[in-house]
Amino acid sequence: MEFLFQFIRMNEFVTNPILFISITARFYIFRFHIQSLVVWIFIWHTQSR
């Protein structure tokens, strides 16, 4: 029983950082896409004039 509890805790520790990394990676990719979109719109506005 104790071993099972330790295994679950260890498994949680292994899966949580991966989840955290994937969430932060998604956030950074999303932010990068927003920034590139803003830059692209700005360039398009300057070119159209």
C-alpha atoms as a PDB file:
ATOM      1  CA  MET A   1       0.000   0.000   0.000  1.00  0.00           C
ATOM      2  CA  GLU A   2       2.799   2.396   0.948  1.00  0.00           C
ATOM      3  CA  PHE A   3       4.667   1.517  -2.236  1.00  0.00           C
ATOM      4  CA  LEU A   4       1.590   2.240  -4.347  1.00  0.00           C
ATOM      5  CA  PHE A   5       1.174   5.636  -2.676  1.00  0.00           C
ATOM      6  CA  GLN A   6       4.834   6.476  -3.313  1.00  0.00           C
ATOM      7  CA  PHE A   7       4.492   5.363  -6.934  1.00  0.00           C
ATOM      8  CA  ILE A   8       1.427   7.587  -7.459  1.00  0.00           C
ATOM      9  CA  ARG A   9       3.245  10.537  -5.892  1.00  0.00           C
ATOM     10  CA  MET A  10       6.316   9.922  -8.055  1.00  0.00           C
ATOM     11  CA  ASN A  11       4.135   9.586 -11.152  1.00  0.00           C
ATOM     12  CA  GLU A  12       2.425  12.877 -10.314  1.00  0.00           C
ATOM     13  CA  PHE A  13       5.830  14.521  -9.972  1.00  0.00           C
ATOM     14  CA  VAL A  14       6.869  13.162 -13.383  1.00  0.00           C
ATOM     15  CA  THR A  15       3.662  14.182 -15.204  1.00  0.00           C
ATOM     16  CA  ASN A  16       3.229  17.621 -13.597  1.00  0.00           C
ATOM     17  CA  PRO A  17       6.419  19.277 -14.941  1.00  0.00           C
ATOM     18  CA  ILE A  18       5.583  17.984 -18.427  1.00  0.00           C
ATOM     19  CA  LEU A  19       2.116  19.522 -18.141  1.00  0.00           C
ATOM     20  CA  PHE A  20       3.620  22.775 -16.854  1.00  0.00           C
ATOM     21  CA  ILE A  21       6.167  22.868 -19.707  1.00  0.00           C
ATOM     22  CA  SER A  22       3.485  22.190 -22.331  1.00  0.00           C
ATOM     23  CA  ILE A  23       1.255  24.948 -20.929  1.00  0.00           C
ATOM     24  CA  THR A  24       4.094  27.483 -20.826  1.00  0.00           C
ATOM     25  CA  ALA A  25       5.255  26.439 -24.306  1.00  0.00           C
ATOM     26  CA  ARG A  26       1.736  26.885 -25.658  1.00  0.00           C
ATOM     27  CA  PHE A  27       1.514  30.301 -24.000  1.00  0.00           C
ATOM     28  CA  TYR A  28       4.842  31.435 -25.493  1.00  0.00           C
ATOM     29  CA  ILE A  29       3.931  30.117 -28.958  1.00  0.00           C
ATOM     30  CA  PHE A  30       0.551  31.889 -28.702  1.00  0.00           C
ATOM     31  CA  ARG A  31       2.230  35.139 -27.627  1.00  0.00           C
ATOM     32  CA  PHE A  32       4.764  34.840 -30.449  1.00  0.00           C
ATOM     33  CA  HIS A  33       1.946  34.344 -32.986  1.00  0.00           C
ATOM     34  CA  ILE A  34       0.112  37.416 -31.665  1.00  0.00           C
ATOM     35  CA  GLN A  35       3.289  39.525 -31.870  1.00  0.00           C
ATOM     36  CA  SER A  36       4.082  38.352 -35.417  1.00  0.00           C
ATOM     37  CA  LEU A  37       0.490  39.036 -36.459  1.00  0.00           C
ATOM     38  CA  VAL A  38       0.714  42.588 -35.062  1.00  0.00           C
ATOM     39  CA  VAL A  39       4.020  43.137 -36.875  1.00  0.00           C
ATOM     40  CA  TRP A  40       2.549  41.753 -40.120  1.00  0.00           C
ATOM     41  CA  ILE A  41      -0.501  44.071 -39.844  1.00  0.00           C
ATOM     42  CA  PHE A  42       1.792  47.033 -39.137  1.00  0.00           C
ATOM     43  CA  ILE A  43       3.938  46.236 -42.204  1.00  0.00           C
ATOM     44  CA  TRP A  44       0.810  45.778 -44.340  1.00  0.00           C
ATOM     45  CA  HIS A  45      -0.516  49.178 -43.182  1.00  0.00           C
ATOM     46  CA  THR A  46       2.776  50.931 -43.993  1.00  0.00           C
ATOM     47  CA  GLN A  47       2.990  49.224 -47.408  1.00  0.00           C
ATOM     48  CA  SER A  48      -0.595  50.075 -48.429  1.00  0.00           C
ATOM     49  CA  ARG A  49      -0.081  53.828 -48.071  1.00  0.00           C
END
